[in-house]
C-alpha atoms as a PDB file:
ATOM      1  CA  MET A   1       3.149 -16.778   1.186  1.00  0.00           C
ATOM      2  CA  ALA A   2       1.894 -13.557   3.307  1.00  0.00           C
ATOM      3  CA  THR A   3       2.238 -10.156   1.729  1.00  0.00           C
ATOM      4  CA  ILE A   4       2.445  -8.398   5.151  1.00  0.00           C
ATOM      5  CA  SER A   5       5.283  -9.632   7.231  1.00  0.00           C
ATOM      6  CA  LEU A   6       5.096 -10.347  10.862  1.00  0.00           C
ATOM      7  CA  ASN A   7       7.531  -7.543  11.685  1.00  0.00           C
ATOM      8  CA  GLN A   8       5.215  -5.052   9.678  1.00  0.00           C
ATOM      9  CA  ALA A   9       2.209  -6.359  11.743  1.00  0.00           C
ATOM     10  CA  ILE A  10       4.142  -5.799  15.170  1.00  0.00           C
ATOM     11  CA  ILE A  11       5.118  -2.417  13.935  1.00  0.00           C
ATOM     12  CA  ALA A  12       1.592  -1.628  13.142  1.00  0.00           C
ATOM     13  CA  ILE A  13       0.575  -2.611  16.456  1.00  0.00           C
ATOM     14  CA  ASN A  14       3.627  -1.014  18.355  1.00  0.00           C
ATOM     15  CA  PRO A  15       5.583   1.537  16.169  1.00  0.00           C
ATOM     16  CA  ASP A  16       8.284   1.858  18.923  1.00  0.00           C
ATOM     17  CA  ALA A  17       8.808  -2.021  19.224  1.00  0.00           C
ATOM     18  CA  LYS A  18      12.235  -3.200  19.193  1.00  0.00           C
ATOM     19  CA  VAL A  19      11.951  -6.727  17.821  1.00  0.00           C
ATOM     20  CA  THR A  20      13.775  -9.305  15.501  1.00  0.00           C
ATOM     21  CA  VAL A  21      11.796 -11.520  13.602  1.00  0.00           C
ATOM     22  CA  ILE A  22      13.712 -14.411  11.680  1.00  0.00           C
ATOM     23  CA  ASN A  23      12.264 -16.278   8.530  1.00  0.00           C
ATOM     24  CA  ASP A  24       8.821 -14.417   9.305  1.00  0.00           C
ATOM     25  CA  SER A  25       8.270 -17.071  11.936  1.00  0.00           C
ATOM     26  CA  LEU A  26       6.185 -16.634  15.009  1.00  0.00           C
ATOM     27  CA  ASP A  27       8.583 -18.991  16.811  1.00  0.00           C
ATOM     28  CA  ARG A  28      11.584 -16.838  15.999  1.00  0.00           C
ATOM     29  CA  ILE A  29      10.508 -13.504  17.480  1.00  0.00           C
ATOM     30  CA  THR A  30      12.772 -11.830  20.024  1.00  0.00           C
ATOM     31  CA  TRP A  31      11.687  -8.977  21.825  1.00  0.00           C
ATOM     32  CA  HIS A  32      14.404  -6.217  22.705  1.00  0.00           C
ATOM     33  CA  ASP A  33      14.880  -3.381  25.247  1.00  0.00           C
ATOM     34  CA  ASN A  34      11.818  -4.227  27.304  1.00  0.00           C
ATOM     35  CA  THR A  35       9.470  -3.943  24.393  1.00  0.00           C
ATOM     36  CA  PRO A  36       6.063  -5.511  25.570  1.00  0.00           C
ATOM     37  CA  VAL A  37       5.534  -8.913  24.103  1.00  0.00           C
ATOM     38  CA  ILE A  38       2.584  -8.891  21.760  1.00  0.00           C
ATOM     39  CA  SER A  39       0.563 -12.222  21.617  1.00  0.00           C
ATOM     40  CA  ASN A  40       0.777 -14.318  18.749  1.00  0.00           C
ATOM     41  CA  GLU A  41      -2.843 -14.113  18.198  1.00  0.00           C
ATOM     42  CA  ASP A  42      -2.819 -10.350  17.942  1.00  0.00           C
ATOM     43  CA  ILE A  43      -0.007 -10.363  15.683  1.00  0.00           C
ATOM     44  CA  LEU A  44      -1.740 -12.710  13.217  1.00  0.00           C
ATOM     45  CA  ALA A  45      -4.984 -10.802  13.465  1.00  0.00           C
ATOM     46  CA  LYS A  46      -3.082  -7.273  12.755  1.00  0.00           C
ATOM     47  CA  GLN A  47      -1.481  -9.261   9.794  1.00  0.00           C
ATOM     48  CA  THR A  48      -4.687 -10.550   8.318  1.00  0.00           C
ATOM     49  CA  GLU A  49      -6.199  -6.918   8.646  1.00  0.00           C
ATOM     50  CA  LEU A  50      -3.293  -5.283   6.976  1.00  0.00           C
ATOM     51  CA  GLU A  51      -3.390  -7.957   4.202  1.00  0.00           C
ATOM     52  CA  ALA A  52      -7.027  -7.385   3.556  1.00  0.00           C
ATOM     53  CA  ASP A  53      -6.363  -3.566   3.411  1.00  0.00           C
ATOM     54  CA  TYR A  54      -3.309  -4.270   0.880  1.00  0.00           C
ATOM     55  CA  ILE A  55      -5.723  -6.453  -1.159  1.00  0.00           C
ATOM     56  CA  ALA A  56      -8.504  -3.852  -1.183  1.00  0.00           C
ATOM     57  CA  ASN A  57      -6.305  -1.179  -2.347  1.00  0.00           C
ATOM     58  CA  GLU A  58      -4.625  -3.086  -5.138  1.00  0.00           C
ATOM     59  CA  TYR A  59      -6.589  -0.554  -7.708  1.00  0.00           C
ATOM     60  CA  GLN A  60      -4.501   2.154  -6.246  1.00  0.00           C
ATOM     61  CA  ARG A  61      -1.274   0.476  -6.933  1.00  0.00           C
ATOM     62  CA  ASP A  62      -2.195  -0.472 -10.491  1.00  0.00           C
ATOM     63  CA  ARG A  63      -3.317   3.077 -11.267  1.00  0.00           C
ATOM     64  CA  ALA A  64      -0.340   4.718  -9.843  1.00  0.00           C
ATOM     65  CA  ASN A  65       1.797   2.727 -12.361  1.00  0.00           C
ATOM     66  CA  LYS A  66      -0.589   3.379 -15.307  1.00  0.00           C
ATOM     67  CA  TYR A  67      -1.220   7.373 -14.935  1.00  0.00           C
ATOM     68  CA  PRO A  68       0.957   9.406 -17.267  1.00  0.00           C
ATOM     69  CA  LEU A  69       3.841  11.295 -15.582  1.00  0.00           C
ATOM     70  CA  ILE A  70       2.893  14.325 -13.788  1.00  0.00           C
ATOM     71  CA  SER A  71       4.831  16.539 -16.294  1.00  0.00           C
ATOM     72  CA  ASP A  72       3.051  14.969 -19.152  1.00  0.00           C
ATOM     73  CA  GLN A  73      -0.303  15.246 -17.326  1.00  0.00           C
ATOM     74  CA  LEU A  74       0.428  19.241 -16.807  1.00  0.00           C
ATOM     75  CA  ASP A  75       1.307  19.489 -20.573  1.00  0.00           C
ATOM     76  CA  MET A  76      -1.877  17.807 -21.433  1.00  0.00           C
ATOM     77  CA  GLN A  77      -3.806  20.331 -19.395  1.00  0.00           C
ATOM     78  CA  TYR A  78      -2.034  23.237 -20.793  1.00  0.00           C
ATOM     79  CA  HIS A  79      -2.831  22.160 -24.392  1.00  0.00           C
ATOM     80  CA  ASP A  80      -6.456  21.130 -23.310  1.00  0.00           C
ATOM     81  CA  LYS A  81      -6.865  24.861 -22.123  1.00  0.00           C
ATOM     82  CA  VAL A  82      -5.433  26.321 -25.123  1.00  0.00           C
ATOM     83  CA  ASP A  83      -6.882  24.072 -27.661  1.00  0.00           C
ATOM     84  CA  GLY A  84     -10.167  23.185 -26.017  1.00  0.00           C
ATOM     85  CA  THR A  85      -9.529  19.388 -25.846  1.00  0.00           C
ATOM     86  CA  THR A  86     -10.125  16.816 -23.043  1.00  0.00           C
ATOM     87  CA  THR A  87      -6.965  14.759 -23.557  1.00  0.00           C
ATOM     88  CA  TRP A  88      -5.970  15.018 -19.728  1.00  0.00           C
ATOM     89  CA  GLN A  89      -9.379  14.098 -18.812  1.00  0.00           C
ATOM     90  CA  ASP A  90      -9.548  11.275 -21.230  1.00  0.00           C
ATOM     91  CA  ALA A  91      -6.236   9.771 -20.262  1.00  0.00           C
ATOM     92  CA  VAL A  92      -6.908   9.838 -16.481  1.00  0.00           C
ATOM     93  CA  GLN A  93     -10.429   8.477 -17.010  1.00  0.00           C
ATOM     94  CA  ALA A  94      -9.072   5.458 -19.154  1.00  0.00           C
ATOM     95  CA  VAL A  95      -6.929   4.434 -16.149  1.00  0.00           C
ATOM     96  CA  LYS A  96      -9.673   4.856 -13.778  1.00  0.00           C
ATOM     97  CA  ASP A  97     -11.961   2.795 -16.135  1.00  0.00           C
ATOM     98  CA  LYS A  98      -9.406  -0.009 -16.496  1.00  0.00           C
ATOM     99  CA  TYR A  99      -8.622  -0.176 -12.859  1.00  0.00           C
ATOM    100  CA  PRO A 100     -11.914   0.661 -11.253  1.00  0.00           C
ATOM    101  CA  LYS A 101     -12.482   0.928  -7.436  1.00  0.00           C
ATOM    102  CA  PRO A 102     -13.917  -2.264  -5.973  1.00  0.00           C
END
């Protein structure tokens, strides 16, 4: 199953497109309000491109859910400054190490 829908691919090609896509099927696309028709090949190529980008950036999504809350990070930074510790840096580095860039 595709991560990126046909509708997302169409909007990535033409942000102003007025279109209905039923069941994410190329055979069920209806173009509205004189929106220029985009070929199935172009839609599928854009979908493949967007999916590759999505997969390549998985580490960013993983990291975002694992970093401490900003309020907690600010508290860590304050205490690191006052106490001469590296709690914040250690916490952030632990997430970066667990979810490295590809």
